Amino acid sequence: MTAAALATLALVCAVGAWRFTRARWTYRSPHVAIVLWQALGVTWGLAGTGALLGYALEPYGEGVLHGLYEFVISAFGGGQGLPKPYDMPRILALVAGLTALAVLILVLLAAGAQTLRARRRHRVLLALTAREDPEVPGVRVLDHPGATAYCVPGLRSQVVVSEGALKLLSADELNAVLAHEAAHVRERHDLVLLPFAALRRALPWSRVVRAAQGEVGLLVEMAADDVARRGCSARRLATALLRFGTAGAVPAPHGALGAASSAAAVMARVERLVNPLPVLPRGVRYAIIAFSVALTSSAPLLWLAPY
């Protein structure tokens, strides 16, 4: 029963994610939508691997987590071996479940390590090539004619703009862009994007994963736009985005979050800034967050539930 419940939960998350990629109410409250996306991703990963392991370890009779513990003890010679009957379908499910779980963990760790290395190298380059500018305190300025603005998140976060961006943008537009980048740093949007980037590496052929990564990336930019426009003009941020688009903005380096993105994403953000939609009602937002919490906790509870 546990394996069937986990398989159903994984299927519901996959179908929900596919439908969710086409939803546009998410633009009204991107922070809430990001929470729901994270819940779908975590639950799908745990439920999918748990369904395979739950079927494979059912002969142990005490739930997925207990069965996995007993299997590990047996594998290292401290248990009684595999329980009977243990047929080929269960062996294949066990191999598939353990492989899927290992791949998800390893690609997450690999993506995180690769991002950290890229940021470390870029900070070294910034220390050699970037300069301080008294007109934009706290910001590193690159002597590059191309227009770019991005942040390098982390414990030693930095916001970077190019000389080309300083010449391209007005003072108000520059302040709006810097506020956008500061929002990325403060809310650690890089950690939001990391699991989806790792999932994309694990399942590069999946259209759902590709669409989910793109949608979450857009929502992260919209969330930063919302924070930025609390202290500056939304129209100034919109015109800055359009200027970046028409000037052919230089993309942000790997591991950084840039102000400009794809043309379609920029236009969606500009439309939202110029013609803002009403925020979702408070009750709806709280209901979505509560549902996300319940969804995220469901898979671990099923891992612990006895058969």
Protein backbone atom coordinates (compact mmCIF):
# COMPACT_ATOMS: atom_id res chain seq x y z
CA MET A 1 0.00 0.00 0.00
CA THR A 2 2.84 2.39 0.83
CA ALA A 3 4.53 1.85 -2.53
CA ALA A 4 1.23 2.42 -4.34
CA ALA A 5 0.58 5.59 -2.34
CA LEU A 6 4.06 6.92 -3.12
CA ALA A 7 3.69 6.08 -6.81
CA THR A 8 0.35 7.90 -6.91
CA LEU A 9 1.88 10.89 -5.14
CA ALA A 10 4.76 11.00 -7.65
CA LEU A 11 2.32 10.84 -10.56
CA VAL A 12 0.17 13.60 -9.08
CA CYS A 13 3.26 15.81 -8.66
CA ALA A 14 4.41 15.16 -12.24
CA VAL A 15 0.99 15.96 -13.71
CA GLY A 16 0.61 18.95 -11.41
CA ALA A 17 4.02 20.29 -12.43
CA TRP A 18 3.15 19.98 -16.12
CA ARG A 19 -0.10 21.87 -15.65
CA PHE A 20 1.64 24.35 -13.36
CA THR A 21 4.09 25.36 -16.11
CA ARG A 22 1.13 26.80 -18.04
CA ALA A 23 -0.41 28.66 -15.11
CA ARG A 24 -0.33 32.45 -15.13
CA TRP A 25 -1.81 33.17 -11.72
CA THR A 26 1.72 32.53 -10.48
CA TYR A 27 2.73 35.96 -11.83
CA ARG A 28 0.41 37.58 -9.29
CA SER A 29 2.32 36.17 -6.29
CA PRO A 30 5.67 34.76 -7.43
CA HIS A 31 7.00 34.18 -3.91
CA VAL A 32 4.07 31.88 -3.11
CA ALA A 33 4.38 30.13 -6.46
CA ILE A 34 8.08 29.45 -5.82
CA VAL A 35 7.18 27.76 -2.52
CA LEU A 36 4.70 25.52 -4.32
CA TRP A 37 7.24 24.69 -7.05
CA GLN A 38 9.77 23.67 -4.41
CA ALA A 39 7.18 21.48 -2.72
CA LEU A 40 6.34 19.76 -6.01
CA GLY A 41 10.01 19.13 -6.81
CA VAL A 42 10.97 17.74 -3.40
CA THR A 43 7.85 15.60 -3.13
CA TRP A 44 8.23 14.20 -6.64
CA GLY A 45 11.84 13.15 -5.97
CA LEU A 46 11.08 11.51 -2.63
CA ALA A 47 7.86 9.88 -3.80
CA GLY A 48 9.34 8.53 -7.04
CA THR A 49 12.35 6.90 -5.38
CA GLY A 50 10.24 5.88 -2.39
CA ALA A 51 7.74 4.05 -4.61
CA LEU A 52 10.50 1.89 -6.11
CA LEU A 53 12.13 1.24 -2.75
CA GLY A 54 8.79 0.65 -1.08
CA TYR A 55 7.92 -2.13 -3.51
CA ALA A 56 11.41 -3.62 -3.34
CA LEU A 57 11.65 -3.57 0.46
CA GLU A 58 8.08 -4.63 1.21
CA PRO A 59 9.16 -8.13 2.41
CA TYR A 60 10.87 -6.48 5.38
CA GLY A 61 7.41 -5.35 6.44
CA GLU A 62 8.22 -2.20 8.44
CA GLY A 63 8.12 0.64 5.95
CA VAL A 64 10.54 2.09 3.42
CA LEU A 65 13.01 3.68 5.83
CA HIS A 66 13.13 0.68 8.16
CA GLY A 67 13.42 -1.68 5.19
CA LEU A 68 16.28 0.35 3.77
CA TYR A 69 18.04 0.23 7.14
CA GLU A 70 17.57 -3.56 7.38
CA PHE A 71 18.82 -3.99 3.82
CA VAL A 72 21.99 -1.99 4.54
CA ILE A 73 22.64 -4.03 7.70
CA SER A 74 22.16 -7.26 5.74
CA ALA A 75 24.38 -6.04 2.88
CA PHE A 76 27.26 -5.52 5.29
CA GLY A 77 26.83 -8.93 6.90
CA GLY A 78 25.14 -7.88 10.10
CA GLY A 79 21.64 -9.08 9.24
CA GLN A 80 19.87 -12.23 8.15
CA GLY A 81 20.10 -11.60 4.43
CA LEU A 82 17.23 -10.90 2.07
CA PRO A 83 13.81 -12.02 3.29
CA LYS A 84 11.82 -14.61 1.36
CA PRO A 85 10.34 -14.43 -1.17
CA TYR A 86 12.61 -11.96 -3.00
CA ASP A 87 11.94 -12.24 -6.73
CA MET A 88 13.54 -10.57 -9.74
CA PRO A 89 11.01 -7.66 -10.04
CA ARG A 90 11.82 -6.62 -6.46
CA ILE A 91 15.55 -6.85 -7.11
CA LEU A 92 15.18 -4.68 -10.23
CA ALA A 93 13.04 -2.17 -8.31
CA LEU A 94 15.64 -2.07 -5.54
CA VAL A 95 18.47 -1.40 -8.01
CA ALA A 96 16.41 1.26 -9.80
CA GLY A 97 15.35 2.95 -6.55
CA LEU A 98 18.83 3.05 -5.07
CA THR A 99 20.27 4.27 -8.37
CA ALA A 100 17.66 7.02 -8.69
CA LEU A 101 18.21 8.14 -5.09
CA ALA A 102 21.99 8.18 -5.56
CA VAL A 103 21.74 10.08 -8.84
CA LEU A 104 19.48 12.77 -7.34
CA ILE A 105 21.83 13.26 -4.39
CA LEU A 106 25.01 13.20 -6.48
CA VAL A 107 23.79 15.63 -9.16
CA LEU A 108 22.66 18.05 -6.45
CA LEU A 109 26.06 17.90 -4.80
CA ALA A 110 27.84 18.13 -8.16
CA ALA A 111 25.77 21.13 -9.27
CA GLY A 112 26.43 22.87 -5.97
CA ALA A 113 30.17 22.17 -6.13
CA GLN A 114 30.39 23.34 -9.74
CA THR A 115 28.54 26.55 -8.91
CA LEU A 116 30.77 27.24 -5.91
CA ARG A 117 33.91 26.72 -8.01
CA ALA A 118 32.60 29.04 -10.72
CA ARG A 119 31.81 31.74 -8.16
CA ARG A 120 35.22 31.39 -6.54
CA ARG A 121 36.97 31.80 -9.88
CA HIS A 122 34.79 34.77 -10.77
CA ARG A 123 35.50 36.50 -7.45
CA VAL A 124 39.23 36.15 -8.20
CA LEU A 125 38.69 37.72 -11.62
CA LEU A 126 36.64 40.53 -10.09
CA ALA A 127 39.38 41.24 -7.59
CA LEU A 128 41.79 41.67 -10.52
CA THR A 129 39.59 43.49 -13.02
CA ALA A 130 36.74 45.28 -11.21
CA ARG A 131 36.97 48.58 -9.37
CA GLU A 132 35.05 50.58 -6.81
CA ASP A 133 33.12 53.63 -7.92
CA PRO A 134 32.10 56.30 -5.38
CA GLU A 135 28.98 57.04 -7.43
CA VAL A 136 27.72 53.46 -6.90
CA PRO A 137 28.97 52.48 -3.43
CA GLY A 138 29.08 48.81 -2.58
CA VAL A 139 29.05 47.78 -6.24
CA ARG A 140 31.91 46.40 -8.31
CA VAL A 141 32.32 48.08 -11.72
CA LEU A 142 33.76 46.25 -14.72
CA ASP A 143 35.50 48.29 -17.42
CA HIS A 144 33.56 46.63 -20.23
CA PRO A 145 31.65 48.41 -23.01
CA GLY A 146 28.85 45.84 -22.99
CA ALA A 147 25.83 46.38 -20.75
CA THR A 148 25.49 43.89 -17.91
CA ALA A 149 24.42 43.80 -14.28
CA TYR A 150 24.43 40.73 -12.07
CA CYS A 151 25.08 39.48 -8.56
CA VAL A 152 27.42 36.77 -7.31
CA PRO A 153 25.53 35.24 -4.35
CA GLY A 154 27.13 33.58 -1.36
CA LEU A 155 28.64 34.46 2.00
CA ARG A 156 30.70 37.15 0.27
CA SER A 157 28.05 38.31 -2.17
CA GLN A 158 28.82 41.00 -4.70
CA VAL A 159 26.76 43.09 -7.09
CA VAL A 160 28.49 43.87 -10.39
CA VAL A 161 27.72 46.35 -13.17
CA SER A 162 29.67 47.15 -16.29
CA GLU A 163 30.83 50.54 -17.53
CA GLY A 164 28.51 50.02 -20.48
CA ALA A 165 25.52 49.65 -18.13
CA LEU A 166 26.45 52.83 -16.27
CA LYS A 167 26.46 54.73 -19.56
CA LEU A 168 23.27 53.07 -20.81
CA LEU A 169 21.02 53.60 -17.78
CA SER A 170 19.79 56.73 -16.11
CA ALA A 171 20.35 57.17 -12.37
CA ASP A 172 16.81 56.02 -11.51
CA GLU A 173 17.06 53.01 -13.83
CA LEU A 174 20.40 52.03 -12.34
CA ASN A 175 19.00 52.25 -8.81
CA ALA A 176 16.12 49.99 -9.85
CA VAL A 177 18.49 47.42 -11.34
CA LEU A 178 20.73 47.46 -8.26
CA ALA A 179 17.68 46.99 -6.03
CA HIS A 180 16.71 43.99 -8.16
CA GLU A 181 20.15 42.43 -7.74
CA ALA A 182 20.18 43.17 -4.01
CA ALA A 183 16.88 41.27 -3.74
CA HIS A 184 18.50 38.22 -5.38
CA VAL A 185 21.30 38.34 -2.83
CA ARG A 186 19.08 38.93 0.21
CA GLU A 187 16.55 36.21 -0.63
CA ARG A 188 19.19 33.69 -1.79
CA HIS A 189 17.44 32.93 -5.05
CA ASP A 190 20.47 30.92 -6.11
CA LEU A 191 19.47 28.25 -3.57
CA VAL A 192 15.95 28.22 -5.03
CA LEU A 193 17.30 27.55 -8.53
CA LEU A 194 19.97 24.99 -7.57
CA PRO A 195 17.69 21.92 -7.10
CA PHE A 196 15.97 22.55 -10.44
CA ALA A 197 19.32 22.92 -12.20
CA ALA A 198 20.43 19.65 -10.61
CA LEU A 199 17.20 17.92 -11.66
CA ARG A 200 17.75 19.18 -15.21
CA ARG A 201 21.20 17.60 -15.20
CA ALA A 202 19.75 14.32 -13.94
CA LEU A 203 16.88 14.30 -16.46
CA PRO A 204 18.04 16.35 -19.47
CA TRP A 205 15.48 14.64 -21.73
CA SER A 206 12.44 15.60 -19.61
CA ARG A 207 10.24 18.34 -21.08
CA VAL A 208 8.54 18.81 -17.73
CA VAL A 209 11.84 19.39 -15.93
CA ARG A 210 13.03 21.78 -18.63
CA ALA A 211 9.79 23.74 -18.48
CA ALA A 212 9.83 23.77 -14.67
CA GLN A 213 13.37 25.14 -14.57
CA GLY A 214 12.46 27.92 -16.99
CA GLU A 215 9.29 28.80 -15.09
CA VAL A 216 11.01 28.91 -11.71
CA GLY A 217 13.78 31.05 -13.20
CA LEU A 218 11.19 33.54 -14.44
CA LEU A 219 9.35 33.56 -11.10
CA VAL A 220 12.62 34.26 -9.29
CA GLU A 221 13.18 37.29 -11.52
CA MET A 222 9.62 38.48 -10.90
CA ALA A 223 10.05 38.03 -7.16
CA ALA A 224 13.18 40.21 -7.28
CA ASP A 225 11.26 42.76 -9.36
CA ASP A 226 8.57 42.90 -6.67
CA VAL A 227 11.14 43.58 -3.96
CA ALA A 228 12.91 46.20 -6.08
CA ARG A 229 9.77 48.17 -6.90
CA ARG A 230 8.99 48.69 -3.21
CA GLY A 231 11.71 51.33 -3.16
CA CYS A 232 11.84 52.52 -6.75
CA SER A 233 9.66 53.10 -9.77
CA ALA A 234 8.39 49.98 -11.50
CA ARG A 235 8.43 51.83 -14.82
CA ARG A 236 12.09 52.72 -14.36
CA LEU A 237 12.90 49.05 -13.84
CA ALA A 238 10.85 48.18 -16.94
CA THR A 239 12.68 50.74 -19.09
CA ALA A 240 16.02 49.46 -17.76
CA LEU A 241 15.09 45.92 -18.82
CA LEU A 242 14.10 47.18 -22.28
CA ARG A 243 17.36 49.08 -22.60
CA PHE A 244 19.30 45.94 -21.72
CA GLY A 245 17.30 44.01 -24.32
CA THR A 246 17.80 46.50 -27.15
CA ALA A 247 21.49 46.95 -26.31
CA GLY A 248 22.17 43.21 -26.40
CA ALA A 249 23.06 42.76 -22.74
CA VAL A 250 26.04 40.55 -21.91
CA PRO A 251 24.77 37.39 -20.13
CA ALA A 252 25.75 36.82 -16.52
CA PRO A 253 28.55 34.32 -15.89
CA HIS A 254 27.87 30.83 -14.56
CA GLY A 255 26.87 30.88 -10.90
CA ALA A 256 25.59 34.47 -11.03
CA LEU A 257 22.09 35.92 -11.34
CA GLY A 258 21.67 38.61 -13.98
CA ALA A 259 19.16 41.41 -14.37
CA ALA A 260 18.49 40.61 -18.03
CA SER A 261 17.25 37.22 -19.26
CA SER A 262 15.71 35.84 -22.45
CA ALA A 263 13.67 38.15 -24.69
CA ALA A 264 10.39 36.37 -23.86
CA ALA A 265 11.10 36.52 -20.12
CA VAL A 266 12.03 40.20 -20.31
CA MET A 267 8.81 41.05 -22.12
CA ALA A 268 6.75 39.10 -19.58
CA ARG A 269 8.44 41.00 -16.76
CA VAL A 270 8.03 44.37 -18.48
CA GLU A 271 4.33 43.73 -19.11
CA ARG A 272 3.87 42.78 -15.47
CA LEU A 273 5.72 45.90 -14.26
CA VAL A 274 3.85 48.30 -16.55
CA ASN A 275 0.42 46.68 -16.09
CA PRO A 276 0.59 45.05 -12.63
CA LEU A 277 -1.88 42.33 -11.78
CA PRO A 278 -3.63 42.24 -8.39
CA VAL A 279 -1.85 40.17 -5.76
CA LEU A 280 -3.58 36.94 -4.79
CA PRO A 281 -5.84 37.36 -1.76
CA ARG A 282 -4.18 36.69 1.57
CA GLY A 283 -6.37 33.67 2.28
CA VAL A 284 -5.43 32.09 -1.05
CA ARG A 285 -1.73 32.69 -0.42
CA TYR A 286 -1.92 31.12 3.04
CA ALA A 287 -3.85 28.16 1.62
CA ILE A 288 -1.19 27.55 -1.04
CA ILE A 289 1.60 27.71 1.54
CA ALA A 290 -0.29 25.32 3.84
CA PHE A 291 -0.85 22.93 0.93
CA SER A 292 2.86 23.13 0.04
CA VAL A 293 3.87 22.26 3.60
CA ALA A 294 1.42 19.34 3.69
CA LEU A 295 2.61 18.10 0.29
CA THR A 296 6.28 18.28 1.27
CA SER A 297 5.69 16.39 4.52
CA SER A 298 3.57 13.65 2.88
CA ALA A 299 6.44 11.78 1.22
CA PRO A 300 8.66 11.56 4.36
CA LEU A 301 5.64 10.40 6.37
CA LEU A 302 4.97 7.66 3.82
CA TRP A 303 8.63 6.63 4.01
CA LEU A 304 8.13 6.11 7.74
CA ALA A 305 4.69 4.48 7.53
CA PRO A 306 4.50 0.70 8.02
CA TYR A 307 3.10 -1.42 5.23
